[in-house]
């Protein structure tokens, strides 16, 4: 499966963005779909994950209460609604597919190109 993230852009602190991750090919029901982000000079950081076959979602501590992950199984798409954005949310955001409920980037793959989110202060 190939994943393509989109929806990034420049936004002021306190603003909102909605990212999309479109998958081409079949996503197995056992899959975990997740968003990660990577700022310059930093490691890839877990943001949010969701089970493809259920509505179970989990979040990184830095985004809890501000970001919401969701999915549309019929459209093979995962979304990330980002509210109350902060300058420290600035990063390239990637979506990935895994098979385990984990926050480790090494457990996910099928990374696409990512989409850049820039939050100005």
C-alpha atoms as a PDB file:
ATOM      1  CA  UNK A   1       0.000   0.000   0.000  1.00  0.00           C
ATOM      2  CA  UNK A   2       1.209   3.527  -0.767  1.00  0.00           C
ATOM      3  CA  UNK A   3       0.363   6.434   1.513  1.00  0.00           C
ATOM      4  CA  UNK A   4       0.155  10.084   0.524  1.00  0.00           C
ATOM      5  CA  UNK A   5      -0.161  12.798   3.143  1.00  0.00           C
ATOM      6  CA  UNK A   6      -1.576  16.213   2.306  1.00  0.00           C
ATOM      7  CA  UNK A   7      -3.145  19.273   3.873  1.00  0.00           C
ATOM      8  CA  UNK A   8      -0.140  20.938   5.447  1.00  0.00           C
ATOM      9  CA  UNK A   9       0.560  24.631   5.265  1.00  0.00           C
ATOM     10  CA  UNK A  10       1.344  27.794   7.175  1.00  0.00           C
ATOM     11  CA  UNK A  11      -0.923  28.718  10.075  1.00  0.00           C
ATOM     12  CA  UNK A  12      -0.748  31.099  12.996  1.00  0.00           C
ATOM     13  CA  UNK A  13      -0.495  29.850  16.549  1.00  0.00           C
ATOM     14  CA  UNK A  14      -3.937  28.939  17.841  1.00  0.00           C
ATOM     15  CA  UNK A  15      -5.168  28.021  14.391  1.00  0.00           C
ATOM     16  CA  UNK A  16      -6.285  24.709  12.921  1.00  0.00           C
ATOM     17  CA  UNK A  17      -5.375  22.409  10.051  1.00  0.00           C
ATOM     18  CA  UNK A  18      -6.722  19.099   8.815  1.00  0.00           C
ATOM     19  CA  UNK A  19      -4.311  16.606   7.315  1.00  0.00           C
ATOM     20  CA  UNK A  20      -5.322  13.728   5.087  1.00  0.00           C
ATOM     21  CA  UNK A  21      -3.568  10.451   4.371  1.00  0.00           C
ATOM     22  CA  UNK A  22      -4.854   8.680   1.282  1.00  0.00           C
ATOM     23  CA  UNK A  23      -3.970   5.035   0.809  1.00  0.00           C
ATOM     24  CA  UNK A  24      -3.759   3.308  -2.525  1.00  0.00           C
ATOM     25  CA  UNK A  25      -4.209  -0.413  -2.200  1.00  0.00           C
ATOM     26  CA  UNK A  26      -5.791  -2.550   0.428  1.00  0.00           C
ATOM     27  CA  UNK A  27      -5.425  -1.756   4.117  1.00  0.00           C
ATOM     28  CA  UNK A  28      -5.808  -4.962   6.104  1.00  0.00           C
ATOM     29  CA  UNK A  29      -8.323  -4.882   8.926  1.00  0.00           C
ATOM     30  CA  UNK A  30      -5.582  -5.674  11.450  1.00  0.00           C
ATOM     31  CA  UNK A  31      -3.643  -2.548  10.500  1.00  0.00           C
ATOM     32  CA  UNK A  32      -2.840   0.391  12.725  1.00  0.00           C
ATOM     33  CA  UNK A  33      -2.687   3.690  10.885  1.00  0.00           C
ATOM     34  CA  UNK A  34      -0.691   6.446  12.518  1.00  0.00           C
ATOM     35  CA  UNK A  35       0.594   9.952  12.173  1.00  0.00           C
ATOM     36  CA  UNK A  36       4.155  10.851  13.069  1.00  0.00           C
ATOM     37  CA  UNK A  37       6.033  14.099  12.736  1.00  0.00           C
ATOM     38  CA  UNK A  38       9.650  15.068  12.356  1.00  0.00           C
ATOM     39  CA  UNK A  39      11.114  18.489  13.027  1.00  0.00           C
ATOM     40  CA  UNK A  40      14.559  19.463  11.673  1.00  0.00           C
ATOM     41  CA  UNK A  41      17.310  17.790  13.640  1.00  0.00           C
ATOM     42  CA  UNK A  42      14.904  15.706  15.699  1.00  0.00           C
ATOM     43  CA  UNK A  43      13.748  12.104  15.651  1.00  0.00           C
ATOM     44  CA  UNK A  44      10.421  11.070  14.223  1.00  0.00           C
ATOM     45  CA  UNK A  45       7.780  11.530  16.925  1.00  0.00           C
ATOM     46  CA  UNK A  46       4.516   9.668  17.373  1.00  0.00           C
ATOM     47  CA  UNK A  47       1.425  11.889  17.113  1.00  0.00           C
ATOM     48  CA  UNK A  48      -1.658   9.648  16.905  1.00  0.00           C
ATOM     49  CA  UNK A  49      -2.748   6.180  15.857  1.00  0.00           C
ATOM     50  CA  UNK A  50      -6.015   4.417  15.093  1.00  0.00           C
ATOM     51  CA  UNK A  51      -7.088   0.861  14.497  1.00  0.00           C
ATOM     52  CA  UNK A  52      -8.330   0.375  10.952  1.00  0.00           C
ATOM     53  CA  UNK A  53     -11.085  -2.055  11.953  1.00  0.00           C
ATOM     54  CA  UNK A  54     -12.238  -0.258  15.097  1.00  0.00           C
ATOM     55  CA  UNK A  55     -12.592   3.237  16.471  1.00  0.00           C
ATOM     56  CA  UNK A  56      -9.815   2.852  19.012  1.00  0.00           C
ATOM     57  CA  UNK A  57      -7.435   5.798  18.878  1.00  0.00           C
ATOM     58  CA  UNK A  58      -4.421   6.801  20.938  1.00  0.00           C
ATOM     59  CA  UNK A  59      -2.310   9.930  21.114  1.00  0.00           C
ATOM     60  CA  UNK A  60       1.087  11.270  21.986  1.00  0.00           C
ATOM     61  CA  UNK A  61       1.192  13.288  25.193  1.00  0.00           C
ATOM     62  CA  UNK A  62       2.126  16.509  23.441  1.00  0.00           C
ATOM     63  CA  UNK A  63      -1.057  16.557  21.313  1.00  0.00           C
ATOM     64  CA  UNK A  64      -3.684  15.069  23.619  1.00  0.00           C
ATOM     65  CA  UNK A  65      -6.779  17.236  23.757  1.00  0.00           C
ATOM     66  CA  UNK A  66      -5.735  19.248  20.692  1.00  0.00           C
ATOM     67  CA  UNK A  67      -5.468  16.717  17.853  1.00  0.00           C
ATOM     68  CA  UNK A  68      -8.016  14.139  16.704  1.00  0.00           C
ATOM     69  CA  UNK A  69      -7.338  11.200  14.409  1.00  0.00           C
ATOM     70  CA  UNK A  70     -10.171   9.706  12.388  1.00  0.00           C
ATOM     71  CA  UNK A  71     -10.675   7.485   9.366  1.00  0.00           C
ATOM     72  CA  UNK A  72     -12.969   6.785   6.477  1.00  0.00           C
ATOM     73  CA  UNK A  73     -12.675   3.119   5.646  1.00  0.00           C
ATOM     74  CA  UNK A  74     -14.719   3.405   2.464  1.00  0.00           C
ATOM     75  CA  UNK A  75     -12.371   6.083   1.125  1.00  0.00           C
ATOM     76  CA  UNK A  76      -9.177   4.484   2.443  1.00  0.00           C
ATOM     77  CA  UNK A  77      -8.273   7.744   4.140  1.00  0.00           C
ATOM     78  CA  UNK A  78      -7.031   8.746   7.578  1.00  0.00           C
ATOM     79  CA  UNK A  79      -7.364  12.273   8.889  1.00  0.00           C
ATOM     80  CA  UNK A  80      -5.652  14.360  11.550  1.00  0.00           C
ATOM     81  CA  UNK A  81      -7.580  17.349  12.814  1.00  0.00           C
ATOM     82  CA  UNK A  82      -5.153  19.712  14.522  1.00  0.00           C
ATOM     83  CA  UNK A  83      -6.530  22.484  16.726  1.00  0.00           C
ATOM     84  CA  UNK A  84      -4.874  25.034  19.013  1.00  0.00           C
ATOM     85  CA  UNK A  85      -1.672  24.709  17.056  1.00  0.00           C
ATOM     86  CA  UNK A  86       1.590  25.821  18.643  1.00  0.00           C
ATOM     87  CA  UNK A  87       4.927  26.775  17.083  1.00  0.00           C
ATOM     88  CA  UNK A  88       6.396  23.573  18.484  1.00  0.00           C
ATOM     89  CA  UNK A  89       3.979  21.606  16.291  1.00  0.00           C
ATOM     90  CA  UNK A  90       6.006  22.740  13.274  1.00  0.00           C
ATOM     91  CA  UNK A  91       7.271  19.634  11.470  1.00  0.00           C
ATOM     92  CA  UNK A  92       6.846  17.399   8.475  1.00  0.00           C
ATOM     93  CA  UNK A  93       3.921  15.099   9.190  1.00  0.00           C
ATOM     94  CA  UNK A  94       3.945  11.545   7.893  1.00  0.00           C
ATOM     95  CA  UNK A  95       1.391   8.772   7.942  1.00  0.00           C
ATOM     96  CA  UNK A  96       2.398   5.168   8.328  1.00  0.00           C
ATOM     97  CA  UNK A  97       0.933   1.699   8.549  1.00  0.00           C
ATOM     98  CA  UNK A  98       1.728  -0.863  11.189  1.00  0.00           C
ATOM     99  CA  UNK A  99       0.301  -3.937  12.831  1.00  0.00           C
ATOM    100  CA  UNK A 100       0.855  -3.191  16.515  1.00  0.00           C
ATOM    101  CA  UNK A 101      -0.563  -0.574  18.855  1.00  0.00           C
ATOM    102  CA  UNK A 102       2.711   1.179  19.593  1.00  0.00           C
ATOM    103  CA  UNK A 103       4.278   4.618  19.437  1.00  0.00           C
ATOM    104  CA  UNK A 104       7.562   3.397  17.963  1.00  0.00           C
ATOM    105  CA  UNK A 105       8.267   4.672  14.455  1.00  0.00           C
ATOM    106  CA  UNK A 106      10.263   1.532  13.660  1.00  0.00           C
ATOM    107  CA  UNK A 107       7.039  -0.483  13.906  1.00  0.00           C
ATOM    108  CA  UNK A 108       5.463   1.427  11.041  1.00  0.00           C
ATOM    109  CA  UNK A 109       6.186   1.594   7.336  1.00  0.00           C
ATOM    110  CA  UNK A 110       4.808   2.574   3.966  1.00  0.00           C
ATOM    111  CA  UNK A 111       5.869   6.153   4.694  1.00  0.00           C
ATOM    112  CA  UNK A 112       4.912   8.648   2.046  1.00  0.00           C
ATOM    113  CA  UNK A 113       6.528  11.996   1.335  1.00  0.00           C
ATOM    114  CA  UNK A 114       4.944  13.789   4.255  1.00  0.00           C
ATOM    115  CA  UNK A 115       3.347  17.198   4.429  1.00  0.00           C
ATOM    116  CA  UNK A 116       4.901  20.275   6.021  1.00  0.00           C
ATOM    117  CA  UNK A 117       3.094  22.098   8.807  1.00  0.00           C
ATOM    118  CA  UNK A 118       4.482  25.458   9.873  1.00  0.00           C
ATOM    119  CA  UNK A 119       3.007  27.275  12.853  1.00  0.00           C
ATOM    120  CA  UNK A 120       4.014  30.893  13.260  1.00  0.00           C
ATOM    121  CA  UNK A 121       4.030  32.669  16.602  1.00  0.00           C
END
